[in-house]
Amino acid sequence: MKLPWVLIAAILGSTMPFIDSTAVNVSLPVLQRELHATTGQTQWVIEGYALFLSALILLGGALGDLYGRRKIFTYGVVLFAAASIACAFAGSIEILIAARCIQGIGGALLTPGSLSLISAAYSGEQRGRAIGLWSGFSALTSASGPIIGGWLTQEFSWRYVFIINIPVAIVVLAVLQLGVPESRDESADRRIDVVGAALATFGLGLLVNGLIAMNSGRITAEALGTTIVGVAVLCGFVLFERRTRDPMVRCDLFASRDFSAANIYTFFLYTAIGGSLYFVPFVLINVHHYSPTEAGAALLPFIFIMVVASRWSGGLVARIGARRPLILGAIIAGFGFLAYALPGNDGSYWTTFFPAAMILGCGGALFVAPLTTTVMNSVPTEHSGVASGVNNAVARTAGLIGVAVLGVVVTTSSSYVGGFRSAMVASALIAFAASGVAAKGFGRFEPKTPANA
C-alpha cells in the first residue's frame, strides 16, 4: 500500500533540484541587472550551488544508507526549501550566493536519496519500472525548467523561480510522513568520510574561486595562487581517499580501464555542455534581445531530442557496443558547439540557434545512454550504485569547472559576443577531445550477452 507513496515522494522531491538546475540559468541576465551583480558574482549564483552539490552528493548517499534514507531525504527537502525561501527574498547578490550554497547542501542530501528510497522499496521488475518512471519525470522536469524559469522571470520575477519549490516541498514532506517507511543499510558499519568531503569542498571552492577571479580579464598572482592551492588540495583529497578505510570515492573502481575512461569522457563532455550553455541565455537576452521565455524555449530542442532519442541509443549499445556511439556523439556535439559560435546579430531563431540546438541534441542523444551503460557494466554488479554515484559527481564537478574555465575565455576576449564564440569553439575542442578518449581509452567494450555477461 505504501509503495506508490514512495515513488510520489521520490519524483516530487527530485523535481526541485532538477528544475532549478535548468531554470535558474535563464533568469540570470535579469537577476544580474536587478541586483547590480558583477560577472563573477553572477557566476557564483550557479557555482555556489554546484560546488556543494558535486562535493557532497556521495556523502549524502552514504548518510542515507547509515542513518535512514527517509530521514536524510527529509532533511534535504527541508534544507532545500528553506534555502529557496532565502533565495527568493535575497536583498543582495551576496545573500543570494550564500543561500544557493545552502541549497546545494540540501540537494546533496536530497538527490541520491530519491533513487535510494525507490531501490529500497521496490525489487525485481517493479524496481525497473519505478526507476524508469522516475527517469521519465526527471527528464520532463529538466526539459521544462528553462521554459518555466523564463516565463516566471518574464511575467512575475526571477524570485518566483525559487518560490515554486515551496509548495512542492510541503507536499513531499506530507507524503514522507504519511506513506513512506524508513529504510537503511543494516549491515553498514562504517565511518562517514568527513575529512574527504571537507577536502573535496575546500579544493573545488579554491579552484573555482581562482578561476572566477581571472574573469577580470587578467591573471593576477593572487588568482593564480588560489587556483594552484585548490589543485593541490584536490590532489591531497585523492591521496587521502586512496588511504582511508571508508573512502567517499572508491579509488579501486578506477582499476577498470572502461570505468576510468568513461569518467574522463564524462568530465570532458559535461565541462563543455555545462560551461558553454551557461552563457547562451546571456547572449540570447542581452545581445539578440530575446525575452526570458523565448530564451528558455530556445534550449528546448536540445533537451527534447536528447530525452526522446536516449532510449533508442540505449538499445543501440546492445547491438553494436558503446564505443562507436560515444565517439560519434562527442563529434556531433563538437559540431553543435561550433554551430552556436556562427550566428551573428541578425537572422531568425530558426536559421541561427535552432540548428545548433538540434545538432547538439543529436550528439547528446548518442552519448548519454551509452555512457551510463558503460559505467554500469564496467564494474561488478554489487558496486554499480557506487559507480553511478561517482559518475554523477564527476558530471556535476565538470559543469562546475566548465562555467569557471569558459568564463575566463569569455572575459579575456575583446567583446562579449566574441568571447561567447571563443567559448563555443573551446567547447567544441573539449568535445572532440572526449571523442579521442572514447576511441583510445576504452578496452574492447562489447554489449553484455548471456555468454559474457
Protein backbone atom coordinates (compact mmCIF):
# COMPACT_ATOMS: atom_id res chain seq x y z
CA MET A 1 0.00 0.00 0.00
CA LYS A 2 2.85 2.37 0.83
CA LEU A 3 4.89 1.73 -2.29
CA PRO A 4 3.14 4.30 -4.57
CA TRP A 5 3.78 6.98 -1.93
CA VAL A 6 7.50 6.20 -2.09
CA LEU A 7 7.51 6.81 -5.83
CA ILE A 8 5.48 10.03 -5.49
CA ALA A 9 7.84 11.38 -2.82
CA ALA A 10 10.93 10.46 -4.83
CA ILE A 11 9.63 12.04 -8.06
CA LEU A 12 8.32 15.23 -6.48
CA GLY A 13 11.39 15.61 -4.26
CA SER A 14 13.82 15.32 -7.15
CA THR A 15 11.71 17.77 -9.16
CA MET A 16 13.08 20.70 -7.14
CA PRO A 17 16.80 20.30 -7.91
CA PHE A 18 16.10 19.14 -11.48
CA ILE A 19 14.02 22.22 -12.31
CA ASP A 20 16.46 24.56 -10.55
CA SER A 21 19.37 23.08 -12.48
CA THR A 22 17.95 24.40 -15.77
CA ALA A 23 15.51 27.17 -14.78
CA VAL A 24 17.88 29.45 -12.85
CA ASN A 25 20.25 29.94 -15.82
CA VAL A 26 17.55 31.65 -17.87
CA SER A 27 16.83 34.16 -15.09
CA LEU A 28 20.48 35.14 -14.61
CA PRO A 29 20.61 38.11 -17.03
CA VAL A 30 17.59 39.73 -15.34
CA LEU A 31 18.83 38.81 -11.87
CA GLN A 32 22.23 40.35 -12.64
CA ARG A 33 20.68 43.67 -13.64
CA GLU A 34 18.30 43.89 -10.68
CA LEU A 35 20.92 43.04 -8.04
CA HIS A 36 23.68 45.02 -9.79
CA ALA A 37 25.93 41.97 -9.76
CA THR A 38 29.29 41.62 -11.45
CA THR A 39 30.01 38.82 -13.92
CA GLY A 40 31.92 36.88 -11.27
CA GLN A 41 29.13 37.24 -8.71
CA THR A 42 26.57 36.06 -11.24
CA GLN A 43 28.70 33.00 -11.93
CA TRP A 44 28.75 32.22 -8.22
CA VAL A 45 24.93 32.01 -8.23
CA ILE A 46 25.40 28.84 -10.28
CA GLU A 47 28.79 27.80 -8.94
CA GLY A 48 27.89 28.06 -5.24
CA TYR A 49 25.05 25.60 -5.71
CA ALA A 50 27.05 23.27 -7.96
CA LEU A 51 30.09 23.34 -5.64
CA PHE A 52 28.36 21.89 -2.60
CA LEU A 53 26.15 19.56 -4.63
CA SER A 54 29.07 18.00 -6.51
CA ALA A 55 31.36 17.80 -3.47
CA LEU A 56 28.80 16.33 -1.06
CA ILE A 57 26.49 14.20 -3.20
CA LEU A 58 28.37 10.97 -2.43
CA LEU A 59 28.40 11.84 1.27
CA GLY A 60 24.63 12.41 1.12
CA GLY A 61 24.07 8.90 -0.24
CA ALA A 62 26.25 7.36 2.48
CA LEU A 63 24.43 9.26 5.23
CA GLY A 64 21.10 7.93 3.98
CA ASP A 65 22.32 4.32 3.99
CA LEU A 66 23.68 4.70 7.52
CA TYR A 67 21.16 6.87 9.37
CA GLY A 68 17.97 6.26 7.39
CA ARG A 69 17.09 7.14 3.83
CA ARG A 70 13.76 8.79 4.64
CA LYS A 71 15.33 10.84 7.44
CA ILE A 72 18.21 12.20 5.32
CA PHE A 73 15.88 12.76 2.35
CA THR A 74 13.55 14.73 4.66
CA TYR A 75 16.46 16.84 5.91
CA GLY A 76 17.43 17.52 2.31
CA VAL A 77 13.91 18.65 1.37
CA VAL A 78 13.64 20.95 4.41
CA LEU A 79 17.08 22.48 3.82
CA PHE A 80 16.44 22.94 0.09
CA ALA A 81 13.08 24.60 0.74
CA ALA A 82 14.46 26.89 3.46
CA ALA A 83 17.32 27.94 1.19
CA SER A 84 14.85 28.53 -1.65
CA ILE A 85 12.92 30.98 0.58
CA ALA A 86 16.18 32.77 1.36
CA CYS A 87 16.99 32.92 -2.37
CA ALA A 88 13.55 34.33 -3.20
CA PHE A 89 13.80 37.13 -0.63
CA ALA A 90 17.52 37.87 -1.04
CA GLY A 91 18.14 41.62 -0.96
CA SER A 92 21.67 41.42 -2.28
CA ILE A 93 23.77 39.20 -4.51
CA GLU A 94 25.89 38.14 -1.52
CA ILE A 95 22.85 36.79 0.35
CA LEU A 96 21.63 35.03 -2.79
CA ILE A 97 25.01 33.31 -3.28
CA ALA A 98 25.08 32.17 0.37
CA ALA A 99 21.53 30.81 0.08
CA ARG A 100 22.44 28.99 -3.14
CA CYS A 101 25.35 27.30 -1.33
CA ILE A 102 22.94 26.04 1.34
CA GLN A 103 20.59 24.92 -1.43
CA GLY A 104 23.47 22.84 -2.82
CA ILE A 105 23.92 21.11 0.54
CA GLY A 106 20.21 20.31 0.61
CA GLY A 107 20.42 19.00 -2.95
CA ALA A 108 23.33 16.74 -1.97
CA LEU A 109 21.15 15.13 0.71
CA LEU A 110 18.06 15.05 -1.48
CA THR A 111 19.28 13.90 -4.91
CA PRO A 112 20.82 10.49 -4.05
CA GLY A 113 18.01 9.84 -1.57
CA SER A 114 15.31 9.85 -4.23
CA LEU A 115 16.72 6.82 -6.02
CA SER A 116 17.77 5.01 -2.84
CA LEU A 117 14.20 5.24 -1.50
CA ILE A 118 12.93 3.60 -4.69
CA SER A 119 15.63 0.90 -4.63
CA ALA A 120 14.81 0.05 -1.02
CA ALA A 121 11.02 -0.10 -1.54
CA TYR A 122 10.87 -1.99 -4.85
CA SER A 123 12.51 -5.13 -6.14
CA GLY A 124 12.86 -7.04 -9.40
CA GLU A 125 10.77 -5.91 -12.35
CA GLN A 126 8.83 -3.40 -10.22
CA ARG A 127 12.08 -1.61 -9.37
CA GLY A 128 12.94 -1.29 -13.06
CA ARG A 129 9.54 0.20 -13.84
CA ALA A 130 9.73 2.58 -10.89
CA ILE A 131 13.21 3.81 -11.85
CA GLY A 132 12.05 4.19 -15.45
CA LEU A 133 9.09 6.30 -14.32
CA TRP A 134 11.38 8.40 -12.10
CA SER A 135 13.79 8.88 -15.02
CA GLY A 136 10.97 9.95 -17.33
CA PHE A 137 9.67 12.56 -14.91
CA SER A 138 13.24 13.75 -14.23
CA ALA A 139 13.81 14.27 -17.94
CA LEU A 140 10.47 16.06 -18.27
CA THR A 141 11.16 18.47 -15.41
CA SER A 142 14.70 19.18 -16.67
CA ALA A 143 13.32 19.88 -20.16
CA SER A 144 10.56 22.16 -18.87
CA GLY A 145 12.90 24.03 -16.50
CA PRO A 146 14.13 26.69 -18.99
CA ILE A 147 10.58 27.48 -20.14
CA ILE A 148 9.22 27.63 -16.59
CA GLY A 149 12.14 29.77 -15.44
CA GLY A 150 11.88 32.10 -18.43
CA TRP A 151 8.09 32.51 -18.11
CA LEU A 152 8.20 33.20 -14.36
CA THR A 153 11.03 35.70 -14.80
CA GLN A 154 9.26 37.50 -17.64
CA GLU A 155 5.72 37.56 -16.23
CA PHE A 156 6.47 37.90 -12.50
CA SER A 157 10.04 37.97 -11.20
CA TRP A 158 13.16 35.82 -11.09
CA ARG A 159 12.33 35.30 -7.40
CA TYR A 160 9.39 33.06 -8.34
CA VAL A 161 11.85 30.54 -9.81
CA PHE A 162 12.74 29.74 -6.19
CA ILE A 163 9.28 30.25 -4.68
CA ILE A 164 7.79 27.39 -6.74
CA ASN A 165 9.90 24.98 -4.67
CA ILE A 166 7.94 25.75 -1.50
CA PRO A 167 4.55 24.13 -2.32
CA VAL A 168 6.34 21.14 -3.82
CA ALA A 169 8.39 20.71 -0.63
CA ILE A 170 5.26 20.89 1.56
CA VAL A 171 3.59 18.10 -0.45
CA VAL A 172 6.74 15.95 -0.35
CA LEU A 173 7.09 16.33 3.42
CA ALA A 174 3.44 15.35 3.92
CA VAL A 175 3.84 12.25 1.74
CA LEU A 176 7.06 11.27 3.53
CA GLN A 177 5.38 11.40 6.93
CA LEU A 178 2.17 9.67 5.91
CA GLY A 179 3.21 6.95 3.49
CA VAL A 180 6.96 6.32 3.24
CA PRO A 181 8.61 3.74 5.51
CA GLU A 182 12.11 4.22 6.88
CA SER A 183 14.92 2.09 5.46
CA ARG A 184 18.67 1.85 5.98
CA ASP A 185 21.57 -0.47 5.31
CA GLU A 186 21.51 -2.62 8.45
CA SER A 187 24.89 -4.12 7.60
CA ALA A 188 26.52 -0.70 7.41
CA ASP A 189 29.38 -0.50 9.89
CA ARG A 190 31.47 2.36 8.64
CA ARG A 191 32.58 5.87 9.44
CA ILE A 192 31.43 8.85 7.41
CA ASP A 193 34.25 10.34 5.36
CA VAL A 194 34.03 13.87 6.79
CA VAL A 195 37.67 14.65 6.01
CA GLY A 196 37.25 13.60 2.38
CA ALA A 197 34.12 15.72 2.00
CA ALA A 198 35.89 18.73 3.52
CA LEU A 199 38.92 18.33 1.25
CA ALA A 200 36.73 17.99 -1.85
CA THR A 201 34.66 21.07 -0.96
CA PHE A 202 37.65 23.19 0.03
CA GLY A 203 39.71 22.15 -3.02
CA LEU A 204 36.92 22.71 -5.53
CA GLY A 205 36.00 26.00 -3.86
CA LEU A 206 39.56 27.34 -4.10
CA LEU A 207 39.93 26.15 -7.69
CA VAL A 208 36.68 27.73 -8.86
CA ASN A 209 37.30 30.92 -6.86
CA GLY A 210 40.71 31.30 -8.51
CA LEU A 211 39.31 30.75 -11.99
CA ILE A 212 36.43 33.17 -11.47
CA ALA A 213 38.92 35.76 -10.14
CA MET A 214 40.61 35.52 -13.54
CA ASN A 215 37.35 36.65 -15.14
CA SER A 216 38.57 40.22 -14.75
CA GLY A 217 40.48 39.71 -17.99
CA ARG A 218 43.93 39.42 -16.46
CA ILE A 219 45.64 36.72 -14.46
CA THR A 220 46.80 38.08 -11.11
CA ALA A 221 49.25 36.39 -8.77
CA GLU A 222 46.50 36.03 -6.15
CA ALA A 223 44.08 34.33 -8.56
CA LEU A 224 46.78 32.04 -9.89
CA GLY A 225 47.93 31.16 -6.38
CA THR A 226 44.38 30.34 -5.27
CA THR A 227 43.92 28.10 -8.29
CA ILE A 228 47.18 26.26 -7.63
CA VAL A 229 46.34 25.75 -3.95
CA GLY A 230 42.93 24.40 -4.99
CA VAL A 231 44.55 21.87 -7.32
CA ALA A 232 46.98 20.88 -4.54
CA VAL A 233 44.11 20.31 -2.08
CA LEU A 234 42.28 18.17 -4.65
CA CYS A 235 45.45 16.10 -5.10
CA GLY A 236 45.52 15.70 -1.32
CA PHE A 237 41.88 14.57 -1.48
CA VAL A 238 42.80 11.81 -3.98
CA LEU A 239 45.72 10.64 -1.81
CA PHE A 240 43.53 10.63 1.29
CA GLU A 241 40.77 8.65 -0.45
CA ARG A 242 43.33 6.02 -1.50
CA ARG A 243 44.48 5.50 2.08
CA THR A 244 41.39 5.91 4.26
CA ARG A 245 39.43 2.85 5.36
CA ASP A 246 36.00 4.24 4.41
CA PRO A 247 36.51 6.48 1.38
CA MET A 248 33.83 8.72 -0.10
CA VAL A 249 35.21 7.80 -3.53
CA ARG A 250 36.34 4.20 -4.04
CA CYS A 251 39.59 4.57 -5.94
CA ASP A 252 39.82 0.83 -6.62
CA LEU A 253 36.96 1.18 -9.12
CA PHE A 254 39.33 3.12 -11.38
CA ALA A 255 41.37 -0.06 -11.84
CA SER A 256 38.78 -0.82 -14.53
CA ARG A 257 40.01 0.75 -17.76
CA ASP A 258 36.46 1.24 -19.03
CA PHE A 259 35.35 2.92 -15.78
CA SER A 260 38.32 5.30 -15.83
CA ALA A 261 37.82 6.17 -19.50
CA ALA A 262 34.08 6.67 -19.01
CA ASN A 263 34.67 9.18 -16.22
CA ILE A 264 37.35 11.06 -18.17
CA TYR A 265 34.92 11.18 -21.11
CA THR A 266 32.18 12.41 -18.74
CA PHE A 267 34.42 15.14 -17.41
CA PHE A 268 35.26 16.47 -20.89
CA LEU A 269 31.70 16.36 -22.25
CA TYR A 270 29.98 17.87 -19.23
CA THR A 271 32.65 20.56 -18.90
CA ALA A 272 31.77 21.62 -22.45
CA ILE A 273 27.99 21.37 -22.00
CA GLY A 274 27.67 22.84 -18.52
CA GLY A 275 30.19 25.59 -19.15
CA SER A 276 29.07 26.78 -22.57
CA LEU A 277 25.29 26.60 -22.10
CA TYR A 278 25.64 28.87 -19.06
CA PHE A 279 26.38 31.74 -21.47
CA VAL A 280 23.66 31.04 -24.07
CA PRO A 281 20.82 32.85 -22.18
CA PHE A 282 23.05 35.93 -21.73
CA VAL A 283 23.70 36.14 -25.47
CA LEU A 284 20.06 35.49 -26.38
CA ILE A 285 18.68 38.08 -23.93
CA ASN A 286 21.38 40.77 -23.86
CA VAL A 287 22.62 40.61 -27.47
CA HIS A 288 19.71 39.20 -29.53
CA HIS A 289 17.01 40.76 -27.30
CA TYR A 290 15.04 37.56 -26.68
CA SER A 291 12.52 37.62 -23.85
CA PRO A 292 13.34 35.29 -20.93
CA THR A 293 10.59 32.90 -22.06
CA GLU A 294 11.96 32.82 -25.60
CA ALA A 295 15.48 32.28 -24.29
CA GLY A 296 14.29 29.32 -22.23
CA ALA A 297 12.38 27.82 -25.14
CA ALA A 298 15.44 28.22 -27.39
CA LEU A 299 17.18 25.42 -25.45
CA LEU A 300 14.20 23.05 -25.67
CA PRO A 301 15.17 21.25 -28.94
CA PHE A 302 18.50 20.23 -27.40
CA ILE A 303 16.88 18.74 -24.29
CA PHE A 304 13.88 17.25 -26.12
CA ILE A 305 15.95 15.35 -28.70
CA MET A 306 18.34 14.09 -26.05
CA VAL A 307 15.50 12.79 -23.88
CA VAL A 308 13.38 11.23 -26.66
CA ALA A 309 16.25 9.56 -28.51
CA SER A 310 18.17 8.29 -25.46
CA ARG A 311 16.03 5.14 -25.25
CA TRP A 312 16.88 4.35 -28.88
CA SER A 313 20.59 4.92 -28.30
CA GLY A 314 20.43 2.72 -25.20
CA GLY A 315 19.19 -0.12 -27.41
CA LEU A 316 21.96 0.65 -29.89
CA VAL A 317 24.55 -0.27 -27.26
CA ALA A 318 23.13 -3.79 -27.07
CA ARG A 319 23.66 -4.22 -30.83
CA ILE A 320 26.97 -2.53 -31.61
CA GLY A 321 28.57 -1.73 -28.25
CA ALA A 322 29.19 1.63 -26.61
CA ARG A 323 32.39 2.87 -28.24
CA ARG A 324 31.04 3.96 -31.62
CA PRO A 325 28.01 5.88 -30.26
CA LEU A 326 30.27 7.59 -27.73
CA ILE A 327 32.78 8.67 -30.38
CA LEU A 328 30.11 9.82 -32.82
CA GLY A 329 28.10 11.56 -30.10
CA ALA A 330 31.09 13.62 -28.94
CA ILE A 331 32.00 14.59 -32.51
CA ILE A 332 28.42 15.67 -33.33
CA ALA A 333 28.27 17.62 -30.06
CA GLY A 334 31.50 19.36 -31.06
CA PHE A 335 29.94 20.49 -34.32
CA GLY A 336 26.90 21.63 -32.33
CA PHE A 337 29.10 23.93 -30.25
CA LEU A 338 30.70 25.27 -33.43
CA ALA A 339 27.21 25.95 -34.81
CA TYR A 340 26.45 28.02 -31.71
CA ALA A 341 29.56 30.12 -32.45
CA LEU A 342 28.39 31.02 -36.00
CA PRO A 343 25.24 33.22 -35.62
CA GLY A 344 25.79 36.95 -35.95
CA ASN A 345 23.48 39.66 -34.70
CA ASP A 346 20.88 39.14 -37.44
CA GLY A 347 18.63 36.32 -38.56
CA SER A 348 15.69 34.47 -37.04
CA TYR A 349 15.98 31.80 -34.38
CA TRP A 350 15.19 29.10 -36.96
CA THR A 351 18.27 29.95 -39.03
CA THR A 352 20.66 30.76 -36.17
CA PHE A 353 20.32 28.96 -32.84
CA PHE A 354 17.75 26.29 -33.75
CA PRO A 355 20.18 24.29 -35.99
CA ALA A 356 22.83 24.47 -33.27
CA ALA A 357 20.39 23.17 -30.62
CA MET A 358 19.31 20.35 -32.94
CA ILE A 359 22.88 19.25 -33.69
CA LEU A 360 23.89 19.37 -30.03
CA GLY A 361 20.77 17.41 -29.07
CA CYS A 362 21.60 14.67 -31.61
CA GLY A 363 25.08 14.42 -30.14
CA GLY A 364 23.73 14.21 -26.60
CA ALA A 365 21.25 11.51 -27.60
CA LEU A 366 24.13 9.36 -28.79
CA PHE A 367 26.35 9.65 -25.73
CA VAL A 368 24.07 9.92 -22.66
CA ALA A 369 22.60 6.39 -22.53
CA PRO A 370 25.75 4.58 -23.81
CA LEU A 371 27.83 6.42 -21.21
CA THR A 372 25.54 5.32 -18.38
CA THR A 373 25.57 1.75 -19.70
CA THR A 374 29.37 1.76 -19.89
CA VAL A 375 29.70 2.95 -16.30
CA MET A 376 27.25 0.32 -15.03
CA ASN A 377 28.84 -2.55 -16.99
CA SER A 378 32.45 -1.65 -16.20
CA VAL A 379 32.26 -2.68 -12.52
CA PRO A 380 30.82 -5.68 -10.64
CA THR A 381 27.06 -5.50 -10.04
CA GLU A 382 27.45 -5.07 -6.27
CA HIS A 383 29.38 -1.84 -6.90
CA SER A 384 27.00 -0.39 -9.52
CA GLY A 385 25.39 2.08 -7.10
CA VAL A 386 28.75 3.48 -6.00
CA ALA A 387 29.93 3.64 -9.63
CA SER A 388 26.81 5.56 -10.64
CA GLY A 389 27.32 7.98 -7.76
CA VAL A 390 30.94 8.62 -8.71
CA ASN A 391 29.99 9.26 -12.34
CA ASN A 392 27.20 11.61 -11.24
CA ALA A 393 29.65 13.53 -9.05
CA VAL A 394 32.16 13.75 -11.92
CA ALA A 395 29.48 15.16 -14.25
CA ARG A 396 28.44 17.82 -11.75
CA THR A 397 32.04 18.73 -10.96
CA ALA A 398 32.73 19.07 -14.68
CA GLY A 399 29.88 21.55 -15.09
CA LEU A 400 31.14 23.47 -12.06
CA ILE A 401 34.65 23.80 -13.51
CA GLY A 402 33.36 24.38 -17.04
CA VAL A 403 31.49 27.56 -16.09
CA ALA A 404 34.61 28.94 -14.40
CA VAL A 405 37.07 27.96 -17.16
CA LEU A 406 34.96 29.16 -20.08
CA GLY A 407 34.18 32.32 -18.12
CA VAL A 408 37.88 33.15 -18.36
CA VAL A 409 37.70 32.60 -22.14
CA VAL A 410 34.68 34.92 -22.46
CA THR A 411 36.04 37.78 -20.34
CA THR A 412 39.52 37.78 -21.88
CA SER A 413 38.09 38.36 -25.38
CA SER A 414 37.62 41.83 -26.85
CA SER A 415 33.80 41.72 -26.78
CA TYR A 416 31.09 39.62 -25.18
CA VAL A 417 29.90 38.20 -28.49
CA GLY A 418 33.48 37.44 -29.50
CA GLY A 419 34.05 35.83 -26.12
CA PHE A 420 30.92 33.72 -26.50
CA ARG A 421 32.15 32.49 -29.87
CA SER A 422 35.57 31.72 -28.40
CA ALA A 423 33.92 29.78 -25.55
CA MET A 424 31.87 27.73 -28.01
CA VAL A 425 34.97 26.95 -30.09
CA ALA A 426 36.75 25.92 -26.89
CA SER A 427 33.76 23.71 -26.02
CA ALA A 428 33.97 22.09 -29.45
CA LEU A 429 37.65 21.30 -28.89
CA ILE A 430 36.82 19.78 -25.50
CA ALA A 431 34.09 17.63 -27.10
CA PHE A 432 36.46 16.47 -29.83
CA ALA A 433 38.98 15.57 -27.11
CA ALA A 434 36.28 13.44 -25.47
CA SER A 435 35.82 11.55 -28.74
CA GLY A 436 39.54 10.79 -28.63
CA VAL A 437 39.18 9.43 -25.09
CA ALA A 438 36.39 7.13 -26.29
CA ALA A 439 38.46 5.98 -29.27
CA LYS A 440 41.64 5.24 -27.33
CA GLY A 441 40.72 4.93 -23.67
CA PHE A 442 38.23 2.09 -23.68
CA GLY A 443 39.17 -1.52 -23.87
CA ARG A 444 37.27 -3.76 -26.24
CA PHE A 445 33.95 -2.83 -24.69
CA GLU A 446 31.16 -5.01 -26.01
CA PRO A 447 27.49 -5.34 -25.07
CA LYS A 448 26.84 -8.00 -22.47
CA THR A 449 25.43 -11.27 -23.77
CA PRO A 450 24.50 -14.44 -21.91
CA ALA A 451 27.94 -15.75 -22.76
CA ASN A 452 29.94 -12.83 -21.41
CA ALA A 453 27.57 -11.13 -19.01
